[in-house]
C-alpha cells in the first residue's frame, strides 16, 4: 500500500477495526496522525497512539471524540501545552482533571 493509500484508509471512518489496528504499527507519522483522529479507531489503538513520540499524533488522540477518560487522564500530563489544552476541553475528560488543567492556563 502506498503512503497515500494508507493515509486515506486510516482516515476513512468505514475502515474495519482490524485494518485500523494494523495501521497503528505504521512508521509514518501522517498515517498515525489521521488514524488518531478517526472516530472509529479502536480504544486500544488510541491508548497506543497517546504515547507516540509525535505531538501531532498525541494531539489527534486528544481531539478524537471517542477517546476515553483514562487515555485523556494520561494526556493531561503531557509535556505539550497544546495537548493539555485540548484535553481540558474534551467532553470525556473527568471534571476534576478539566478544572486542574484550566487553572493551569
PDB file of N, CA and C in Angstrom:
ATOM      1  N   UNK A   1       0.837  -1.173   0.000  1.00  0.00           N
ATOM      2  CA  UNK A   1       0.000   0.000   0.000  1.00  0.00           C
ATOM      3  C   UNK A   1       0.889   1.246   0.000  1.00  0.00           C
ATOM      4  N   UNK A   2       0.563   2.203  -0.834  1.00  0.00           N
ATOM      5  CA  UNK A   2       1.340   3.441  -0.878  1.00  0.00           C
ATOM      6  C   UNK A   2       1.037   4.293   0.356  1.00  0.00           C
ATOM      7  N   UNK A   3       1.865   5.286   0.583  1.00  0.00           N
ATOM      8  CA  UNK A   3       1.646   6.193   1.708  1.00  0.00           C
ATOM      9  C   UNK A   3       0.286   6.878   1.592  1.00  0.00           C
ATOM     10  N   UNK A   4      -0.029   7.329   0.388  1.00  0.00           N
ATOM     11  CA  UNK A   4      -1.321   7.988   0.155  1.00  0.00           C
ATOM     12  C   UNK A   4      -2.482   7.048   0.490  1.00  0.00           C
ATOM     13  N   UNK A   5      -2.383   5.811   0.042  1.00  0.00           N
ATOM     14  CA  UNK A   5      -3.441   4.830   0.305  1.00  0.00           C
ATOM     15  C   UNK A   5      -3.585   4.547   1.801  1.00  0.00           C
ATOM     16  N   UNK A   6      -2.449   4.494   2.500  1.00  0.00           N
ATOM     17  CA  UNK A   6      -2.509   4.263   3.946  1.00  0.00           C
ATOM     18  C   UNK A   6      -3.185   5.425   4.656  1.00  0.00           C
ATOM     19  N   UNK A   7      -2.867   6.663   4.257  1.00  0.00           N
ATOM     20  CA  UNK A   7      -3.495   7.836   4.865  1.00  0.00           C
ATOM     21  C   UNK A   7      -4.997   7.827   4.591  1.00  0.00           C
ATOM     22  N   UNK A   8      -5.368   7.541   3.360  1.00  0.00           N
ATOM     23  CA  UNK A   8      -6.794   7.502   3.009  1.00  0.00           C
ATOM     24  C   UNK A   8      -7.526   6.402   3.796  1.00  0.00           C
ATOM     25  N   UNK A   9      -6.910   5.264   3.923  1.00  0.00           N
ATOM     26  CA  UNK A   9      -7.516   4.153   4.653  1.00  0.00           C
ATOM     27  C   UNK A   9      -7.635   4.478   6.142  1.00  0.00           C
ATOM     28  N   UNK A  10      -6.586   5.054   6.707  1.00  0.00           N
ATOM     29  CA  UNK A  10      -6.577   5.387   8.136  1.00  0.00           C
ATOM     30  C   UNK A  10      -7.582   6.476   8.484  1.00  0.00           C
ATOM     31  N   UNK A  11      -7.884   7.347   7.545  1.00  0.00           N
ATOM     32  CA  UNK A  11      -8.813   8.449   7.814  1.00  0.00           C
ATOM     33  C   UNK A  11     -10.268   8.084   7.535  1.00  0.00           C
ATOM     34  N   UNK A  12     -10.496   6.972   6.866  1.00  0.00           N
ATOM     35  CA  UNK A  12     -11.845   6.586   6.472  1.00  0.00           C
ATOM     36  C   UNK A  12     -12.604   6.011   7.670  1.00  0.00           C
ATOM     37  N   UNK A  13     -13.724   6.628   8.063  1.00  0.00           N
ATOM     38  CA  UNK A  13     -14.475   6.120   9.221  1.00  0.00           C
ATOM     39  C   UNK A  13     -15.120   4.753   8.988  1.00  0.00           C
ATOM     40  N   UNK A  14     -15.127   4.278   7.755  1.00  0.00           N
ATOM     41  CA  UNK A  14     -15.707   2.970   7.448  1.00  0.00           C
ATOM     42  C   UNK A  14     -14.668   1.860   7.347  1.00  0.00           C
ATOM     43  N   UNK A  15     -13.404   2.198   7.578  1.00  0.00           N
ATOM     44  CA  UNK A  15     -12.355   1.173   7.556  1.00  0.00           C
ATOM     45  C   UNK A  15     -12.576   0.231   8.737  1.00  0.00           C
ATOM     46  N   UNK A  16     -12.538  -1.081   8.493  1.00  0.00           N
ATOM     47  CA  UNK A  16     -12.747  -2.047   9.588  1.00  0.00           C
ATOM     48  C   UNK A  16     -11.667  -1.934  10.675  1.00  0.00           C
ATOM     49  N   UNK A  17     -12.068  -2.199  11.904  1.00  0.00           N
ATOM     50  CA  UNK A  17     -11.162  -2.116  13.054  1.00  0.00           C
ATOM     51  C   UNK A  17      -9.864  -2.905  12.885  1.00  0.00           C
ATOM     52  N   UNK A  18      -9.906  -4.136  12.378  1.00  0.00           N
ATOM     53  CA  UNK A  18      -8.646  -4.878  12.226  1.00  0.00           C
ATOM     54  C   UNK A  18      -7.638  -4.165  11.308  1.00  0.00           C
ATOM     55  N   UNK A  19      -8.130  -3.475  10.305  1.00  0.00           N
ATOM     56  CA  UNK A  19      -7.241  -2.731   9.400  1.00  0.00           C
ATOM     57  C   UNK A  19      -6.667  -1.526  10.136  1.00  0.00           C
ATOM     58  N   UNK A  20      -7.499  -0.833  10.903  1.00  0.00           N
ATOM     59  CA  UNK A  20      -7.009   0.312  11.680  1.00  0.00           C
ATOM     60  C   UNK A  20      -5.965  -0.138  12.700  1.00  0.00           C
ATOM     61  N   UNK A  21      -6.197  -1.281  13.313  1.00  0.00           N
ATOM     62  CA  UNK A  21      -5.232  -1.818  14.281  1.00  0.00           C
ATOM     63  C   UNK A  21      -3.892  -2.109  13.607  1.00  0.00           C
ATOM     64  N   UNK A  22      -3.923  -2.630  12.401  1.00  0.00           N
ATOM     65  CA  UNK A  22      -2.688  -2.912  11.663  1.00  0.00           C
ATOM     66  C   UNK A  22      -1.969  -1.613  11.309  1.00  0.00           C
ATOM     67  N   UNK A  23      -2.721  -0.599  10.909  1.00  0.00           N
ATOM     68  CA  UNK A  23      -2.112   0.689  10.548  1.00  0.00           C
ATOM     69  C   UNK A  23      -1.461   1.376  11.754  1.00  0.00           C
ATOM     70  N   UNK A  24      -1.857   1.015  12.956  1.00  0.00           N
ATOM     71  CA  UNK A  24      -1.274   1.614  14.161  1.00  0.00           C
ATOM     72  C   UNK A  24       0.210   1.283  14.305  1.00  0.00           C
ATOM     73  N   UNK A  25       0.683   0.301  13.573  1.00  0.00           N
ATOM     74  CA  UNK A  25       2.102  -0.073  13.614  1.00  0.00           C
ATOM     75  C   UNK A  25       2.906   0.593  12.507  1.00  0.00           C
ATOM     76  N   UNK A  26       2.267   1.439  11.727  1.00  0.00           N
ATOM     77  CA  UNK A  26       2.957   2.105  10.625  1.00  0.00           C
ATOM     78  C   UNK A  26       4.008   3.070  11.177  1.00  0.00           C
ATOM     79  N   UNK A  27       5.074   3.283  10.423  1.00  0.00           N
ATOM     80  CA  UNK A  27       6.161   4.163  10.856  1.00  0.00           C
ATOM     81  C   UNK A  27       5.952   5.615  10.425  1.00  0.00           C
ATOM     82  N   UNK A  28       5.012   5.865   9.536  1.00  0.00           N
ATOM     83  CA  UNK A  28       4.826   7.213   9.003  1.00  0.00           C
ATOM     84  C   UNK A  28       3.894   8.017   9.907  1.00  0.00           C
ATOM     85  N   UNK A  29       4.367   9.189  10.346  1.00  0.00           N
ATOM     86  CA  UNK A  29       3.591   9.988  11.294  1.00  0.00           C
ATOM     87  C   UNK A  29       2.270  10.459  10.711  1.00  0.00           C
ATOM     88  N   UNK A  30       2.217  10.726   9.400  1.00  0.00           N
ATOM     89  CA  UNK A  30       0.964  11.219   8.818  1.00  0.00           C
ATOM     90  C   UNK A  30      -0.126  10.152   8.848  1.00  0.00           C
ATOM     91  N   UNK A  31       0.257   8.896   8.703  1.00  0.00           N
ATOM     92  CA  UNK A  31      -0.703   7.795   8.814  1.00  0.00           C
ATOM     93  C   UNK A  31      -1.218   7.731  10.254  1.00  0.00           C
ATOM     94  N   UNK A  32      -0.307   7.814  11.205  1.00  0.00           N
ATOM     95  CA  UNK A  32      -0.693   7.754  12.612  1.00  0.00           C
ATOM     96  C   UNK A  32      -1.532   8.968  13.014  1.00  0.00           C
ATOM     97  N   UNK A  33      -1.215  10.129  12.445  1.00  0.00           N
ATOM     98  CA  UNK A  33      -1.975  11.341  12.750  1.00  0.00           C
ATOM     99  C   UNK A  33      -3.436  11.202  12.334  1.00  0.00           C
ATOM    100  N   UNK A  34      -3.681  10.813  11.091  1.00  0.00           N
ATOM    101  CA  UNK A  34      -5.077  10.688  10.648  1.00  0.00           C
ATOM    102  C   UNK A  34      -5.778   9.535  11.363  1.00  0.00           C
ATOM    103  N   UNK A  35      -5.038   8.498  11.693  1.00  0.00           N
ATOM    104  CA  UNK A  35      -5.593   7.390  12.459  1.00  0.00           C
ATOM    105  C   UNK A  35      -6.030   7.868  13.843  1.00  0.00           C
ATOM    106  N   UNK A  36      -5.231   8.725  14.448  1.00  0.00           N
ATOM    107  CA  UNK A  36      -5.548   9.228  15.796  1.00  0.00           C
ATOM    108  C   UNK A  36      -6.820  10.062  15.805  1.00  0.00           C
ATOM    109  N   UNK A  37      -7.186  10.630  14.671  1.00  0.00           N
ATOM    110  CA  UNK A  37      -8.370  11.485  14.576  1.00  0.00           C
ATOM    111  C   UNK A  37      -9.614  10.754  14.061  1.00  0.00           C
ATOM    112  N   UNK A  38      -9.444   9.530  13.595  1.00  0.00           N
ATOM    113  CA  UNK A  38     -10.562   8.766  13.054  1.00  0.00           C
ATOM    114  C   UNK A  38     -11.502   8.381  14.207  1.00  0.00           C
ATOM    115  N   UNK A  39     -12.772   8.772  14.141  1.00  0.00           N
ATOM    116  CA  UNK A  39     -13.686   8.475  15.247  1.00  0.00           C
ATOM    117  C   UNK A  39     -13.951   6.987  15.469  1.00  0.00           C
ATOM    118  N   UNK A  40     -13.586   6.154  14.518  1.00  0.00           N
ATOM    119  CA  UNK A  40     -13.795   4.709  14.678  1.00  0.00           C
ATOM    120  C   UNK A  40     -12.522   3.948  15.033  1.00  0.00           C
ATOM    121  N   UNK A  41     -11.460   4.667  15.334  1.00  0.00           N
ATOM    122  CA  UNK A  41     -10.236   4.000  15.765  1.00  0.00           C
ATOM    123  C   UNK A  41     -10.497   3.307  17.097  1.00  0.00           C
ATOM    124  N   UNK A  42     -10.138   2.029  17.213  1.00  0.00           N
ATOM    125  CA  UNK A  42     -10.377   1.294  18.461  1.00  0.00           C
ATOM    126  C   UNK A  42      -9.647   1.928  19.654  1.00  0.00           C
ATOM    127  N   UNK A  43     -10.245   1.784  20.830  1.00  0.00           N
ATOM    128  CA  UNK A  43      -9.676   2.353  22.052  1.00  0.00           C
ATOM    129  C   UNK A  43      -8.249   1.864  22.282  1.00  0.00           C
ATOM    130  N   UNK A  44      -7.988   0.596  22.035  1.00  0.00           N
ATOM    131  CA  UNK A  44      -6.627   0.062  22.238  1.00  0.00           C
ATOM    132  C   UNK A  44      -5.614   0.794  21.366  1.00  0.00           C
ATOM    133  N   UNK A  45      -6.014   1.172  20.167  1.00  0.00           N
ATOM    134  CA  UNK A  45      -5.127   1.923  19.273  1.00  0.00           C
ATOM    135  C   UNK A  45      -4.945   3.343  19.799  1.00  0.00           C
ATOM    136  N   UNK A  46      -6.025   3.968  20.261  1.00  0.00           N
ATOM    137  CA  UNK A  46      -5.897   5.315  20.833  1.00  0.00           C
ATOM    138  C   UNK A  46      -4.969   5.307  22.044  1.00  0.00           C
ATOM    139  N   UNK A  47      -5.058   4.268  22.860  1.00  0.00           N
ATOM    140  CA  UNK A  47      -4.164   4.136  24.018  1.00  0.00           C
ATOM    141  C   UNK A  47      -2.705   4.092  23.566  1.00  0.00           C
ATOM    142  N   UNK A  48      -2.448   3.325  22.521  1.00  0.00           N
ATOM    143  CA  UNK A  48      -1.084   3.213  21.990  1.00  0.00           C
ATOM    144  C   UNK A  48      -0.618   4.553  21.423  1.00  0.00           C
ATOM    145  N   UNK A  49      -1.469   5.200  20.634  1.00  0.00           N
ATOM    146  CA  UNK A  49      -1.091   6.457  19.990  1.00  0.00           C
ATOM    147  C   UNK A  49      -0.920   7.592  20.999  1.00  0.00           C
ATOM    148  N   UNK A  50      -1.556   7.494  22.149  1.00  0.00           N
ATOM    149  CA  UNK A  50      -1.403   8.526  23.190  1.00  0.00           C
ATOM    150  C   UNK A  50       0.030   8.590  23.697  1.00  0.00           C
ATOM    151  N   UNK A  51       0.811   7.545  23.465  1.00  0.00           N
ATOM    152  CA  UNK A  51       2.213   7.522  23.876  1.00  0.00           C
ATOM    153  C   UNK A  51       3.176   7.746  22.722  1.00  0.00           C
ATOM    154  N   UNK A  52       2.677   8.141  21.566  1.00  0.00           N
ATOM    155  CA  UNK A  52       3.530   8.335  20.391  1.00  0.00           C
ATOM    156  C   UNK A  52       4.500   9.491  20.610  1.00  0.00           C
ATOM    157  N   UNK A  53       5.652   9.426  19.958  1.00  0.00           N
ATOM    158  CA  UNK A  53       6.661  10.484  20.085  1.00  0.00           C
ATOM    159  C   UNK A  53       6.222  11.785  19.417  1.00  0.00           C
ATOM    160  N   UNK A  54       5.317  11.701  18.460  1.00  0.00           N
ATOM    161  CA  UNK A  54       4.864  12.883  17.734  1.00  0.00           C
ATOM    162  C   UNK A  54       3.755  13.599  18.508  1.00  0.00           C
ATOM    163  N   UNK A  55       3.967  14.872  18.794  1.00  0.00           N
ATOM    164  CA  UNK A  55       2.927  15.646  19.483  1.00  0.00           C
ATOM    165  C   UNK A  55       1.695  15.798  18.597  1.00  0.00           C
ATOM    166  N   UNK A  56       1.865  15.764  17.286  1.00  0.00           N
ATOM    167  CA  UNK A  56       0.711  15.837  16.387  1.00  0.00           C
ATOM    168  C   UNK A  56      -0.183  14.614  16.549  1.00  0.00           C
ATOM    169  N   UNK A  57       0.418  13.470  16.688  1.00  0.00           N
ATOM    170  CA  UNK A  57      -0.349  12.233  16.869  1.00  0.00           C
ATOM    171  C   UNK A  57      -1.044  12.267  18.230  1.00  0.00           C
ATOM    172  N   UNK A  58      -0.315  12.635  19.283  1.00  0.00           N
ATOM    173  CA  UNK A  58      -0.931  12.713  20.616  1.00  0.00           C
ATOM    174  C   UNK A  58      -2.054  13.754  20.621  1.00  0.00           C
ATOM    175  N   UNK A  59      -1.855  14.867  19.913  1.00  0.00           N
ATOM    176  CA  UNK A  59      -2.894  15.887  19.808  1.00  0.00           C
ATOM    177  C   UNK A  59      -4.118  15.365  19.084  1.00  0.00           C
ATOM    178  N   UNK A  60      -3.911  14.523  18.084  1.00  0.00           N
ATOM    179  CA  UNK A  60      -5.031  13.902  17.385  1.00  0.00           C
ATOM    180  C   UNK A  60      -5.856  13.030  18.317  1.00  0.00           C
ATOM    181  N   UNK A  61      -5.175  12.297  19.192  1.00  0.00           N
ATOM    182  CA  UNK A  61      -5.882  11.479  20.183  1.00  0.00           C
ATOM    183  C   UNK A  61      -6.683  12.389  21.120  1.00  0.00           C
ATOM    184  N   UNK A  62      -6.082  13.502  21.523  1.00  0.00           N
ATOM    185  CA  UNK A  62      -6.772  14.450  22.419  1.00  0.00           C
ATOM    186  C   UNK A  62      -7.996  15.064  21.744  1.00  0.00           C
ATOM    187  N   UNK A  63      -8.016  15.124  20.428  1.00  0.00           N
ATOM    188  CA  UNK A  63      -9.153  15.668  19.674  1.00  0.00           C
ATOM    189  C   UNK A  63     -10.190  14.616  19.302  1.00  0.00           C
ATOM    190  N   UNK A  64      -9.842  13.350  19.412  1.00  0.00           N
ATOM    191  CA  UNK A  64     -10.743  12.297  18.965  1.00  0.00           C
ATOM    192  C   UNK A  64     -11.971  12.249  19.881  1.00  0.00           C
ATOM    193  N   UNK A  65     -13.181  12.324  19.307  1.00  0.00           N
ATOM    194  CA  UNK A  65     -14.386  12.355  20.139  1.00  0.00           C
ATOM    195  C   UNK A  65     -14.627  11.087  20.948  1.00  0.00           C
ATOM    196  N   UNK A  66     -13.959  10.007  20.590  1.00  0.00           N
ATOM    197  CA  UNK A  66     -14.170   8.737  21.299  1.00  0.00           C
ATOM    198  C   UNK A  66     -13.029   8.351  22.232  1.00  0.00           C
ATOM    199  N   UNK A  67     -12.106   9.267  22.467  1.00  0.00           N
ATOM    200  CA  UNK A  67     -11.019   8.967  23.396  1.00  0.00           C
ATOM    201  C   UNK A  67     -11.602   8.844  24.803  1.00  0.00           C
ATOM    202  N   UNK A  68     -11.349   7.716  25.463  1.00  0.00           N
ATOM    203  CA  UNK A  68     -11.915   7.514  26.800  1.00  0.00           C
ATOM    204  C   UNK A  68     -11.190   8.324  27.878  1.00  0.00           C
ATOM    205  N   UNK A  69     -11.859   8.472  29.005  1.00  0.00           N
ATOM    206  CA  UNK A  69     -11.346   9.272  30.118  1.00  0.00           C
ATOM    207  C   UNK A  69      -9.953   8.822  30.569  1.00  0.00           C
ATOM    208  N   UNK A  70      -9.721   7.522  30.630  1.00  0.00           N
ATOM    209  CA  UNK A  70      -8.420   7.021  31.102  1.00  0.00           C
ATOM    210  C   UNK A  70      -7.277   7.495  30.203  1.00  0.00           C
ATOM    211  N   UNK A  71      -7.493   7.522  28.911  1.00  0.00           N
ATOM    212  CA  UNK A  71      -6.468   7.986  27.973  1.00  0.00           C
ATOM    213  C   UNK A  71      -6.294   9.499  28.103  1.00  0.00           C
ATOM    214  N   UNK A  72      -7.389  10.211  28.275  1.00  0.00           N
ATOM    215  CA  UNK A  72      -7.312  11.668  28.447  1.00  0.00           C
ATOM    216  C   UNK A  72      -6.576  12.026  29.735  1.00  0.00           C
ATOM    217  N   UNK A  73      -6.771  11.241  30.781  1.00  0.00           N
ATOM    218  CA  UNK A  73      -6.037  11.485  32.035  1.00  0.00           C
ATOM    219  C   UNK A  73      -4.532  11.339  31.810  1.00  0.00           C
ATOM    220  N   UNK A  74      -4.145  10.360  31.014  1.00  0.00           N
ATOM    221  CA  UNK A  74      -2.728  10.190  30.675  1.00  0.00           C
ATOM    222  C   UNK A  74      -2.223  11.412  29.894  1.00  0.00           C
ATOM    223  N   UNK A  75      -3.005  11.855  28.907  1.00  0.00           N
ATOM    224  CA  UNK A  75      -2.606  13.007  28.088  1.00  0.00           C
ATOM    225  C   UNK A  75      -2.619  14.311  28.890  1.00  0.00           C
ATOM    226  N   UNK A  76      -3.355  14.346  29.982  1.00  0.00           N
ATOM    227  CA  UNK A  76      -3.387  15.543  30.829  1.00  0.00           C
ATOM    228  C   UNK A  76      -2.020  15.831  31.440  1.00  0.00           C
ATOM    229  N   UNK A  77      -1.162  14.829  31.464  1.00  0.00           N
ATOM    230  CA  UNK A  77       0.202  15.001  32.000  1.00  0.00           C
ATOM    231  C   UNK A  77       1.236  15.189  30.877  1.00  0.00           C
ATOM    232  N   UNK A  78       0.768  15.373  29.657  1.00  0.00           N
ATOM    233  CA  UNK A  78       1.677  15.550  28.523  1.00  0.00           C
ATOM    234  C   UNK A  78       2.508  16.809  28.706  1.00  0.00           C
ATOM    235  N   UNK A  79       3.731  16.784  28.204  1.00  0.00           N
ATOM    236  CA  UNK A  79       4.624  17.943  28.297  1.00  0.00           C
ATOM    237  C   UNK A  79       4.189  19.095  27.398  1.00  0.00           C
ATOM    238  N   UNK A  80       3.354  18.804  26.412  1.00  0.00           N
ATOM    239  CA  UNK A  80       2.950  19.794  25.418  1.00  0.00           C
ATOM    240  C   UNK A  80       1.696  20.557  25.888  1.00  0.00           C
ATOM    241  N   UNK A  81       1.809  21.887  25.980  1.00  0.00           N
ATOM    242  CA  UNK A  81       0.689  22.721  26.427  1.00  0.00           C
ATOM    243  C   UNK A  81      -0.532  22.575  25.537  1.00  0.00           C
ATOM    244  N   UNK A  82      -0.325  22.522  24.227  1.00  0.00           N
ATOM    245  CA  UNK A  82      -1.431  22.402  23.275  1.00  0.00           C
ATOM    246  C   UNK A  82      -2.268  21.154  23.569  1.00  0.00           C
ATOM    247  N   UNK A  83      -1.598  20.059  23.820  1.00  0.00           N
ATOM    248  CA  UNK A  83      -2.297  18.798  24.090  1.00  0.00           C
ATOM    249  C   UNK A  83      -3.075  18.902  25.395  1.00  0.00           C
ATOM    250  N   UNK A  84      -2.459  19.461  26.423  1.00  0.00           N
ATOM    251  CA  UNK A  84      -3.158  19.617  27.701  1.00  0.00           C
ATOM    252  C   UNK A  84      -4.393  20.516  27.548  1.00  0.00           C
ATOM    253  N   UNK A  85      -4.300  21.563  26.721  1.00  0.00           N
ATOM    254  CA  UNK A  85      -5.466  22.436  26.489  1.00  0.00           C
ATOM    255  C   UNK A  85      -6.589  21.673  25.781  1.00  0.00           C
ATOM    256  N   UNK A  86      -6.222  20.833  24.815  1.00  0.00           N
ATOM    257  CA  UNK A  86      -7.232  20.023  24.120  1.00  0.00           C
ATOM    258  C   UNK A  86      -7.910  19.055  25.097  1.00  0.00           C
ATOM    259  N   UNK A  87      -7.132  18.466  25.979  1.00  0.00           N
ATOM    260  CA  UNK A  87      -7.681  17.550  26.977  1.00  0.00           C
ATOM    261  C   UNK A  87      -8.640  18.310  27.909  1.00  0.00           C
ATOM    262  N   UNK A  88      -8.275  19.511  28.295  1.00  0.00           N
ATOM    263  CA  UNK A  88      -9.111  20.300  29.203  1.00  0.00           C
ATOM    264  C   UNK A  88     -10.489  20.577  28.610  1.00  0.00           C
ATOM    265  N   UNK A  89     -10.571  20.653  27.299  1.00  0.00           N
ATOM    266  CA  UNK A  89     -11.829  20.981  26.628  1.00  0.00           C
ATOM    267  C   UNK A  89     -12.570  19.767  26.071  1.00  0.00           C
ATOM    268  N   UNK A  90     -12.008  18.593  26.272  1.00  0.00           N
ATOM    269  CA  UNK A  90     -12.634  17.378  25.738  1.00  0.00           C
ATOM    270  C   UNK A  90     -13.818  16.976  26.621  1.00  0.00           C
ATOM    271  N   UNK A  91     -14.961  16.651  26.015  1.00  0.00           N
ATOM    272  CA  UNK A  91     -16.136  16.302  26.821  1.00  0.00           C
ATOM    273  C   UNK A  91     -15.993  15.024  27.655  1.00  0.00           C
ATOM    274  N   UNK A  92     -15.058  14.147  27.316  1.00  0.00           N
ATOM    275  CA  UNK A  92     -14.871  12.917  28.087  1.00  0.00           C
ATOM    276  C   UNK A  92     -13.875  13.059  29.232  1.00  0.00           C
ATOM    277  N   UNK A  93     -13.249  14.228  29.348  1.00  0.00           N
ATOM    278  CA  UNK A  93     -12.286  14.439  30.433  1.00  0.00           C
ATOM    279  C   UNK A  93     -13.043  14.593  31.742  1.00  0.00           C
ATOM    280  N   UNK A  94     -12.637  13.854  32.778  1.00  0.00           N
ATOM    281  CA  UNK A  94     -13.298  13.990  34.073  1.00  0.00           C
ATOM    282  C   UNK A  94     -13.233  15.443  34.579  1.00  0.00           C
ATOM    283  N   UNK A  95     -14.291  15.917  35.224  1.00  0.00           N
ATOM    284  CA  UNK A  95     -14.356  17.317  35.671  1.00  0.00           C
ATOM    285  C   UNK A  95     -13.170  17.759  36.533  1.00  0.00           C
ATOM    286  N   UNK A  96     -12.696  16.879  37.412  1.00  0.00           N
ATOM    287  CA  UNK A  96     -11.577  17.280  38.277  1.00  0.00           C
ATOM    288  C   UNK A  96     -10.295  17.512  37.476  1.00  0.00           C
ATOM    289  N   UNK A  97     -10.098  16.745  36.400  1.00  0.00           N
ATOM    290  CA  UNK A  97      -8.930  16.924  35.536  1.00  0.00           C
ATOM    291  C   UNK A  97      -9.109  18.211  34.725  1.00  0.00           C
ATOM    292  N   UNK A  98     -10.315  18.452  34.221  1.00  0.00           N
ATOM    293  CA  UNK A  98     -10.588  19.676  33.479  1.00  0.00           C
ATOM    294  C   UNK A  98     -10.287  20.907  34.334  1.00  0.00           C
ATOM    295  N   UNK A  99     -10.738  20.878  35.562  1.00  0.00           N
ATOM    296  CA  UNK A  99     -10.521  22.006  36.467  1.00  0.00           C
ATOM    297  C   UNK A  99      -9.035  22.257  36.685  1.00  0.00           C
ATOM    298  N   UNK A 100      -8.289  21.209  36.951  1.00  0.00           N
ATOM    299  CA  UNK A 100      -6.842  21.353  37.160  1.00  0.00           C
ATOM    300  C   UNK A 100      -6.159  21.938  35.930  1.00  0.00           C
ATOM    301  N   UNK A 101      -6.530  21.449  34.758  1.00  0.00           N
ATOM    302  CA  UNK A 101      -5.903  21.928  33.532  1.00  0.00           C
ATOM    303  C   UNK A 101      -6.312  23.366  33.212  1.00  0.00           C
ATOM    304  N   UNK A 102      -7.543  23.709  33.449  1.00  0.00           N
ATOM    305  CA  UNK A 102      -7.997  25.071  33.165  1.00  0.00           C
ATOM    306  C   UNK A 102      -7.362  26.069  34.126  1.00  0.00           C
ATOM    307  N   UNK A 103      -7.115  25.650  35.357  1.00  0.00           N
ATOM    308  CA  UNK A 103      -6.444  26.527  36.308  1.00  0.00           C
ATOM    309  C   UNK A 103      -4.974  26.741  35.922  1.00  0.00           C
ATOM    310  N   UNK A 104      -4.424  25.774  35.215  1.00  0.00           N
ATOM    311  CA  UNK A 104      -3.026  25.845  34.762  1.00  0.00           C
ATOM    312  C   UNK A 104      -2.826  26.902  33.698  1.00  0.00           C
ATOM    313  N   UNK A 105      -3.875  27.209  32.932  1.00  0.00           N
ATOM    314  CA  UNK A 105      -3.741  28.143  31.792  1.00  0.00           C
ATOM    315  C   UNK A 105      -3.475  29.554  32.231  1.00  0.00           C
TER     316      UNK A 105
END
